[in-house]
Amino acid sequence: MRAMLAEYFEQPARDEYIWLVYRETADAPPRGYACYGPASLAVGTYDLYWIAVERAHQDKKIGSALLAEMEQDLRRRGARQLYVETSDKPQYAPTRAFYERRGYAQVAHFPDYYDVGDGKVIYCKRMAG
């Protein structure tokens, strides 16, 4: 997580990657982040690249807060839709449930995509206009 945030703080103005960083207070260390950006060659389509919360701070609604803030930002930007990719491995079931509970629909599943026994699942959420 720290390496990803270091890149953000070195070049925060790039539109290719949009970063949200969660801190409990302005001077507190980062507890989570989301990184997203516009999809290449698409109008109004965005990809969520990463969302992460420090293990010690999980189950405190930080991921939900980051996702909600990101969706709000995307609506301000006029986004039509947001895509999220994850693994189909059993240990990612909580991740998939996280997105499904928040209105993301599974739109594709590619078995064995990353490796044998490790497929890719793609979710999409349409942004209200």
N, C-alpha and C. Protein backbone atom coordinates (compact mmCIF):
# COMPACT_ATOMS: atom_id res chain seq x y z
N MET A 1 0.82 -1.18 0.00
CA MET A 1 0.00 0.00 0.00
C MET A 1 0.87 1.25 0.00
N ARG A 2 1.91 1.26 0.77
CA ARG A 2 2.75 2.46 0.87
C ARG A 2 3.43 2.80 -0.46
N ALA A 3 3.84 1.79 -1.22
CA ALA A 3 4.49 2.06 -2.52
C ALA A 3 3.51 2.71 -3.48
N MET A 4 2.26 2.25 -3.48
CA MET A 4 1.25 2.84 -4.36
C MET A 4 0.98 4.29 -3.96
N LEU A 5 0.88 4.54 -2.67
CA LEU A 5 0.63 5.90 -2.22
C LEU A 5 1.81 6.82 -2.48
N ALA A 6 3.02 6.28 -2.42
CA ALA A 6 4.20 7.10 -2.72
C ALA A 6 4.13 7.63 -4.14
N GLU A 7 3.68 6.79 -5.07
CA GLU A 7 3.53 7.23 -6.46
C GLU A 7 2.51 8.37 -6.55
N TYR A 8 1.42 8.26 -5.82
CA TYR A 8 0.40 9.31 -5.82
C TYR A 8 0.97 10.63 -5.33
N PHE A 9 1.66 10.60 -4.21
CA PHE A 9 2.16 11.84 -3.63
C PHE A 9 3.26 12.48 -4.47
N GLU A 10 3.93 11.69 -5.30
CA GLU A 10 4.94 12.24 -6.21
C GLU A 10 4.30 12.95 -7.40
N GLN A 11 3.15 12.46 -7.88
CA GLN A 11 2.50 13.03 -9.06
C GLN A 11 0.98 13.05 -8.86
N PRO A 12 0.46 13.84 -7.94
CA PRO A 12 -0.97 13.78 -7.62
C PRO A 12 -1.90 14.37 -8.68
N ALA A 13 -1.39 15.12 -9.65
CA ALA A 13 -2.27 15.82 -10.59
C ALA A 13 -2.59 15.02 -11.85
N ARG A 14 -2.09 13.82 -11.99
CA ARG A 14 -2.34 13.03 -13.19
C ARG A 14 -3.79 12.57 -13.23
N ASP A 15 -4.45 12.73 -14.40
CA ASP A 15 -5.84 12.29 -14.55
C ASP A 15 -5.96 10.81 -14.87
N GLU A 16 -4.87 10.21 -15.30
CA GLU A 16 -4.89 8.79 -15.65
C GLU A 16 -5.29 7.95 -14.43
N TYR A 17 -4.79 8.33 -13.27
CA TYR A 17 -5.12 7.66 -12.03
C TYR A 17 -5.66 8.69 -11.06
N ILE A 18 -6.85 8.42 -10.55
CA ILE A 18 -7.48 9.29 -9.56
C ILE A 18 -7.39 8.53 -8.23
N TRP A 19 -6.91 9.21 -7.21
CA TRP A 19 -6.68 8.57 -5.92
C TRP A 19 -7.57 9.18 -4.85
N LEU A 20 -8.13 8.32 -4.02
CA LEU A 20 -8.79 8.73 -2.78
C LEU A 20 -8.04 8.06 -1.65
N VAL A 21 -7.70 8.82 -0.65
CA VAL A 21 -6.96 8.28 0.49
C VAL A 21 -7.79 8.52 1.75
N TYR A 22 -7.98 7.47 2.52
CA TYR A 22 -8.74 7.58 3.77
C TYR A 22 -7.78 7.75 4.93
N ARG A 23 -8.02 8.79 5.71
CA ARG A 23 -7.28 9.06 6.95
C ARG A 23 -8.31 9.38 8.03
N GLU A 24 -8.04 8.94 9.24
CA GLU A 24 -8.95 9.23 10.34
C GLU A 24 -8.95 10.70 10.69
N THR A 25 -7.80 11.35 10.56
CA THR A 25 -7.66 12.80 10.73
C THR A 25 -6.68 13.27 9.66
N ALA A 26 -6.60 14.57 9.46
CA ALA A 26 -5.75 15.12 8.40
C ALA A 26 -4.29 14.73 8.54
N ASP A 27 -3.81 14.59 9.77
CA ASP A 27 -2.40 14.26 9.95
C ASP A 27 -2.16 12.78 10.29
N ALA A 28 -3.20 11.97 10.25
CA ALA A 28 -3.07 10.54 10.54
C ALA A 28 -2.50 9.80 9.32
N PRO A 29 -1.91 8.65 9.55
CA PRO A 29 -1.41 7.87 8.41
C PRO A 29 -2.58 7.32 7.58
N PRO A 30 -2.36 7.05 6.32
CA PRO A 30 -3.41 6.48 5.47
C PRO A 30 -3.84 5.12 6.00
N ARG A 31 -5.15 4.88 6.00
CA ARG A 31 -5.69 3.58 6.42
C ARG A 31 -6.26 2.81 5.24
N GLY A 32 -6.51 3.51 4.14
CA GLY A 32 -7.04 2.85 2.95
C GLY A 32 -6.97 3.79 1.77
N TYR A 33 -7.15 3.23 0.60
CA TYR A 33 -7.15 4.06 -0.60
C TYR A 33 -7.95 3.39 -1.70
N ALA A 34 -8.35 4.18 -2.67
CA ALA A 34 -8.96 3.70 -3.91
C ALA A 34 -8.26 4.41 -5.05
N CYS A 35 -8.02 3.67 -6.12
CA CYS A 35 -7.39 4.22 -7.32
C CYS A 35 -8.27 3.83 -8.50
N TYR A 36 -8.67 4.82 -9.28
CA TYR A 36 -9.55 4.57 -10.42
C TYR A 36 -9.23 5.56 -11.51
N GLY A 37 -9.79 5.33 -12.68
CA GLY A 37 -9.54 6.25 -13.77
C GLY A 37 -10.37 5.92 -14.99
N PRO A 38 -10.33 6.82 -15.97
CA PRO A 38 -11.10 6.61 -17.19
C PRO A 38 -10.55 5.44 -18.00
N ALA A 39 -11.46 4.66 -18.56
CA ALA A 39 -11.06 3.55 -19.42
C ALA A 39 -10.60 4.10 -20.77
N SER A 40 -9.55 3.55 -21.29
CA SER A 40 -9.03 4.00 -22.58
C SER A 40 -10.06 3.78 -23.69
N LEU A 41 -10.16 4.76 -24.57
CA LEU A 41 -11.00 4.68 -25.77
C LEU A 41 -12.48 4.47 -25.46
N ALA A 42 -12.94 4.91 -24.31
CA ALA A 42 -14.34 4.77 -23.94
C ALA A 42 -14.84 6.11 -23.39
N VAL A 43 -16.09 6.41 -23.65
CA VAL A 43 -16.69 7.66 -23.19
C VAL A 43 -17.50 7.39 -21.93
N GLY A 44 -17.12 8.03 -20.84
CA GLY A 44 -17.88 7.91 -19.60
C GLY A 44 -17.72 6.60 -18.87
N THR A 45 -16.74 5.80 -19.25
CA THR A 45 -16.49 4.51 -18.61
C THR A 45 -15.22 4.61 -17.78
N TYR A 46 -15.30 4.12 -16.56
CA TYR A 46 -14.17 4.16 -15.64
C TYR A 46 -13.87 2.76 -15.12
N ASP A 47 -12.63 2.57 -14.71
CA ASP A 47 -12.20 1.32 -14.09
C ASP A 47 -11.73 1.61 -12.67
N LEU A 48 -12.11 0.73 -11.75
CA LEU A 48 -11.54 0.76 -10.40
C LEU A 48 -10.32 -0.15 -10.45
N TYR A 49 -9.14 0.42 -10.26
CA TYR A 49 -7.91 -0.36 -10.34
C TYR A 49 -7.59 -1.04 -9.02
N TRP A 50 -7.70 -0.31 -7.93
CA TRP A 50 -7.37 -0.86 -6.62
C TRP A 50 -8.24 -0.20 -5.56
N ILE A 51 -8.61 -0.99 -4.61
CA ILE A 51 -9.20 -0.46 -3.38
C ILE A 51 -8.63 -1.35 -2.27
N ALA A 52 -8.08 -0.71 -1.25
CA ALA A 52 -7.43 -1.48 -0.20
C ALA A 52 -7.57 -0.76 1.13
N VAL A 53 -7.68 -1.56 2.17
CA VAL A 53 -7.75 -1.05 3.54
C VAL A 53 -6.75 -1.86 4.36
N GLU A 54 -5.97 -1.19 5.19
CA GLU A 54 -5.03 -1.90 6.06
C GLU A 54 -5.78 -2.97 6.84
N ARG A 55 -5.18 -4.13 6.93
CA ARG A 55 -5.83 -5.28 7.57
C ARG A 55 -6.35 -4.94 8.97
N ALA A 56 -5.58 -4.23 9.76
CA ALA A 56 -5.98 -3.89 11.13
C ALA A 56 -7.19 -2.96 11.17
N HIS A 57 -7.52 -2.34 10.04
CA HIS A 57 -8.62 -1.38 10.00
C HIS A 57 -9.78 -1.86 9.12
N GLN A 58 -9.76 -3.13 8.74
CA GLN A 58 -10.87 -3.68 7.97
C GLN A 58 -12.07 -3.89 8.89
N ASP A 59 -13.23 -4.01 8.28
CA ASP A 59 -14.50 -4.17 9.01
C ASP A 59 -14.86 -2.93 9.82
N LYS A 60 -14.39 -1.77 9.36
CA LYS A 60 -14.72 -0.49 10.01
C LYS A 60 -15.40 0.45 9.02
N LYS A 61 -15.91 -0.10 7.91
CA LYS A 61 -16.65 0.66 6.88
C LYS A 61 -15.77 1.61 6.07
N ILE A 62 -14.45 1.46 6.15
CA ILE A 62 -13.56 2.33 5.39
C ILE A 62 -13.69 2.04 3.90
N GLY A 63 -13.71 0.76 3.52
CA GLY A 63 -13.88 0.40 2.12
C GLY A 63 -15.20 0.92 1.56
N SER A 64 -16.26 0.81 2.34
CA SER A 64 -17.57 1.33 1.92
C SER A 64 -17.53 2.83 1.73
N ALA A 65 -16.85 3.53 2.64
CA ALA A 65 -16.75 4.99 2.54
C ALA A 65 -15.95 5.39 1.30
N LEU A 66 -14.86 4.69 1.03
CA LEU A 66 -14.07 4.99 -0.16
C LEU A 66 -14.87 4.75 -1.43
N LEU A 67 -15.59 3.63 -1.48
CA LEU A 67 -16.38 3.31 -2.66
C LEU A 67 -17.48 4.35 -2.87
N ALA A 68 -18.16 4.75 -1.80
CA ALA A 68 -19.22 5.75 -1.91
C ALA A 68 -18.67 7.10 -2.38
N GLU A 69 -17.53 7.51 -1.84
CA GLU A 69 -16.93 8.78 -2.25
C GLU A 69 -16.49 8.72 -3.72
N MET A 70 -15.95 7.58 -4.13
CA MET A 70 -15.53 7.42 -5.52
C MET A 70 -16.74 7.50 -6.45
N GLU A 71 -17.82 6.81 -6.11
CA GLU A 71 -19.03 6.84 -6.94
C GLU A 71 -19.58 8.26 -7.04
N GLN A 72 -19.56 8.99 -5.95
CA GLN A 72 -20.02 10.38 -5.97
C GLN A 72 -19.14 11.22 -6.90
N ASP A 73 -17.83 11.03 -6.82
CA ASP A 73 -16.91 11.74 -7.70
C ASP A 73 -17.18 11.38 -9.16
N LEU A 74 -17.41 10.12 -9.44
CA LEU A 74 -17.66 9.70 -10.81
C LEU A 74 -18.95 10.32 -11.36
N ARG A 75 -19.96 10.42 -10.53
CA ARG A 75 -21.20 11.07 -10.98
C ARG A 75 -20.94 12.54 -11.32
N ARG A 76 -20.14 13.22 -10.49
CA ARG A 76 -19.78 14.62 -10.80
C ARG A 76 -19.02 14.72 -12.12
N ARG A 77 -18.25 13.72 -12.44
CA ARG A 77 -17.49 13.70 -13.68
C ARG A 77 -18.32 13.27 -14.88
N GLY A 78 -19.57 12.89 -14.65
CA GLY A 78 -20.44 12.46 -15.74
C GLY A 78 -20.22 11.03 -16.18
N ALA A 79 -19.69 10.20 -15.30
CA ALA A 79 -19.44 8.80 -15.65
C ALA A 79 -20.76 8.08 -15.94
N ARG A 80 -20.70 7.18 -16.90
CA ARG A 80 -21.85 6.34 -17.22
C ARG A 80 -21.80 5.01 -16.47
N GLN A 81 -20.57 4.49 -16.31
CA GLN A 81 -20.43 3.16 -15.71
C GLN A 81 -19.03 2.97 -15.14
N LEU A 82 -18.96 2.06 -14.17
CA LEU A 82 -17.70 1.74 -13.51
C LEU A 82 -17.52 0.23 -13.55
N TYR A 83 -16.33 -0.21 -13.95
CA TYR A 83 -16.01 -1.64 -13.99
C TYR A 83 -14.98 -1.98 -12.93
N VAL A 84 -15.14 -3.17 -12.35
CA VAL A 84 -14.25 -3.69 -11.31
C VAL A 84 -13.91 -5.13 -11.67
N GLU A 85 -12.65 -5.48 -11.53
CA GLU A 85 -12.22 -6.86 -11.78
C GLU A 85 -11.69 -7.47 -10.49
N THR A 86 -11.95 -8.76 -10.31
CA THR A 86 -11.41 -9.49 -9.17
C THR A 86 -11.26 -10.96 -9.55
N SER A 87 -10.77 -11.73 -8.63
CA SER A 87 -10.54 -13.15 -8.85
C SER A 87 -11.77 -13.96 -8.45
N ASP A 88 -11.88 -15.17 -9.05
CA ASP A 88 -12.97 -16.06 -8.66
C ASP A 88 -12.53 -17.09 -7.61
N LYS A 89 -11.31 -16.95 -7.10
CA LYS A 89 -10.84 -17.88 -6.07
C LYS A 89 -11.72 -17.76 -4.82
N PRO A 90 -11.87 -18.87 -4.09
CA PRO A 90 -12.72 -18.84 -2.89
C PRO A 90 -12.35 -17.75 -1.89
N GLN A 91 -11.08 -17.45 -1.73
CA GLN A 91 -10.70 -16.43 -0.74
C GLN A 91 -11.15 -15.03 -1.14
N TYR A 92 -11.59 -14.85 -2.40
CA TYR A 92 -12.10 -13.55 -2.85
C TYR A 92 -13.62 -13.47 -2.77
N ALA A 93 -14.27 -14.49 -2.22
CA ALA A 93 -15.73 -14.45 -2.07
C ALA A 93 -16.18 -13.23 -1.26
N PRO A 94 -15.51 -12.85 -0.17
CA PRO A 94 -15.93 -11.63 0.54
C PRO A 94 -15.80 -10.38 -0.32
N THR A 95 -14.79 -10.33 -1.17
CA THR A 95 -14.62 -9.18 -2.07
C THR A 95 -15.77 -9.12 -3.05
N ARG A 96 -16.12 -10.26 -3.64
CA ARG A 96 -17.24 -10.27 -4.60
C ARG A 96 -18.54 -9.90 -3.91
N ALA A 97 -18.76 -10.40 -2.70
CA ALA A 97 -19.97 -10.06 -1.95
C ALA A 97 -20.01 -8.58 -1.61
N PHE A 98 -18.85 -7.99 -1.33
CA PHE A 98 -18.75 -6.55 -1.04
C PHE A 98 -19.33 -5.75 -2.20
N TYR A 99 -18.91 -6.06 -3.42
CA TYR A 99 -19.41 -5.33 -4.59
C TYR A 99 -20.88 -5.63 -4.85
N GLU A 100 -21.28 -6.88 -4.73
CA GLU A 100 -22.67 -7.25 -4.99
C GLU A 100 -23.63 -6.55 -4.03
N ARG A 101 -23.25 -6.44 -2.76
CA ARG A 101 -24.10 -5.75 -1.77
C ARG A 101 -24.25 -4.27 -2.09
N ARG A 102 -23.35 -3.74 -2.87
CA ARG A 102 -23.38 -2.31 -3.19
C ARG A 102 -23.87 -2.04 -4.61
N GLY A 103 -24.57 -3.01 -5.19
CA GLY A 103 -25.25 -2.80 -6.46
C GLY A 103 -24.44 -3.08 -7.71
N TYR A 104 -23.30 -3.72 -7.57
CA TYR A 104 -22.50 -4.09 -8.74
C TYR A 104 -23.00 -5.42 -9.28
N ALA A 105 -23.16 -5.49 -10.60
CA ALA A 105 -23.65 -6.70 -11.25
C ALA A 105 -22.49 -7.42 -11.93
N GLN A 106 -22.44 -8.73 -11.77
CA GLN A 106 -21.42 -9.50 -12.48
C GLN A 106 -21.78 -9.51 -13.96
N VAL A 107 -20.86 -9.06 -14.80
CA VAL A 107 -21.12 -9.00 -16.24
C VAL A 107 -20.24 -9.95 -17.04
N ALA A 108 -19.22 -10.52 -16.42
CA ALA A 108 -18.37 -11.48 -17.13
C ALA A 108 -17.62 -12.34 -16.13
N HIS A 109 -17.33 -13.55 -16.57
CA HIS A 109 -16.52 -14.48 -15.78
C HIS A 109 -15.64 -15.25 -16.76
N PHE A 110 -14.34 -15.18 -16.56
CA PHE A 110 -13.38 -15.87 -17.40
C PHE A 110 -12.63 -16.89 -16.55
N PRO A 111 -13.06 -18.15 -16.58
CA PRO A 111 -12.37 -19.17 -15.79
C PRO A 111 -10.90 -19.29 -16.20
N ASP A 112 -10.06 -19.58 -15.24
CA ASP A 112 -8.62 -19.81 -15.49
C ASP A 112 -7.93 -18.64 -16.17
N TYR A 113 -8.42 -17.43 -16.00
CA TYR A 113 -7.85 -16.26 -16.67
C TYR A 113 -6.43 -15.96 -16.18
N TYR A 114 -6.28 -15.82 -14.88
CA TYR A 114 -4.97 -15.47 -14.32
C TYR A 114 -4.04 -16.68 -14.27
N ASP A 115 -4.64 -17.84 -14.02
CA ASP A 115 -3.90 -19.10 -13.93
C ASP A 115 -4.94 -20.21 -13.85
N VAL A 116 -4.51 -21.44 -13.95
CA VAL A 116 -5.44 -22.55 -13.79
C VAL A 116 -6.02 -22.46 -12.38
N GLY A 117 -7.33 -22.44 -12.30
CA GLY A 117 -8.00 -22.33 -11.00
C GLY A 117 -8.13 -20.92 -10.47
N ASP A 118 -7.75 -19.94 -11.27
CA ASP A 118 -7.84 -18.53 -10.85
C ASP A 118 -8.43 -17.71 -11.99
N GLY A 119 -9.74 -17.59 -11.98
CA GLY A 119 -10.44 -16.87 -13.03
C GLY A 119 -10.66 -15.41 -12.70
N LYS A 120 -11.08 -14.67 -13.71
CA LYS A 120 -11.38 -13.24 -13.55
C LYS A 120 -12.90 -13.06 -13.54
N VAL A 121 -13.37 -12.24 -12.60
CA VAL A 121 -14.78 -11.86 -12.53
C VAL A 121 -14.84 -10.35 -12.72
N ILE A 122 -15.73 -9.91 -13.60
CA ILE A 122 -15.87 -8.47 -13.86
C ILE A 122 -17.26 -8.04 -13.41
N TYR A 123 -17.28 -6.95 -12.66
CA TYR A 123 -18.52 -6.33 -12.19
C TYR A 123 -18.68 -4.97 -12.84
N CYS A 124 -19.93 -4.54 -12.94
CA CYS A 124 -20.22 -3.21 -13.49
C CYS A 124 -21.32 -2.56 -12.65
N LYS A 125 -21.20 -1.27 -12.48
CA LYS A 125 -22.27 -0.50 -11.87
C LYS A 125 -22.54 0.69 -12.76
N ARG A 126 -23.79 0.87 -13.13
CA ARG A 126 -24.21 2.02 -13.93
C ARG A 126 -24.37 3.21 -13.00
N MET A 127 -23.85 4.32 -13.41
CA MET A 127 -23.96 5.55 -12.63
C MET A 127 -25.24 6.28 -13.04
N ALA A 128 -25.98 6.75 -12.07
CA ALA A 128 -27.21 7.50 -12.36
C ALA A 128 -26.84 8.80 -13.05
N GLY A 129 -27.61 9.17 -14.03
CA GLY A 129 -27.33 10.38 -14.80
C GLY A 129 -27.79 11.64 -14.15
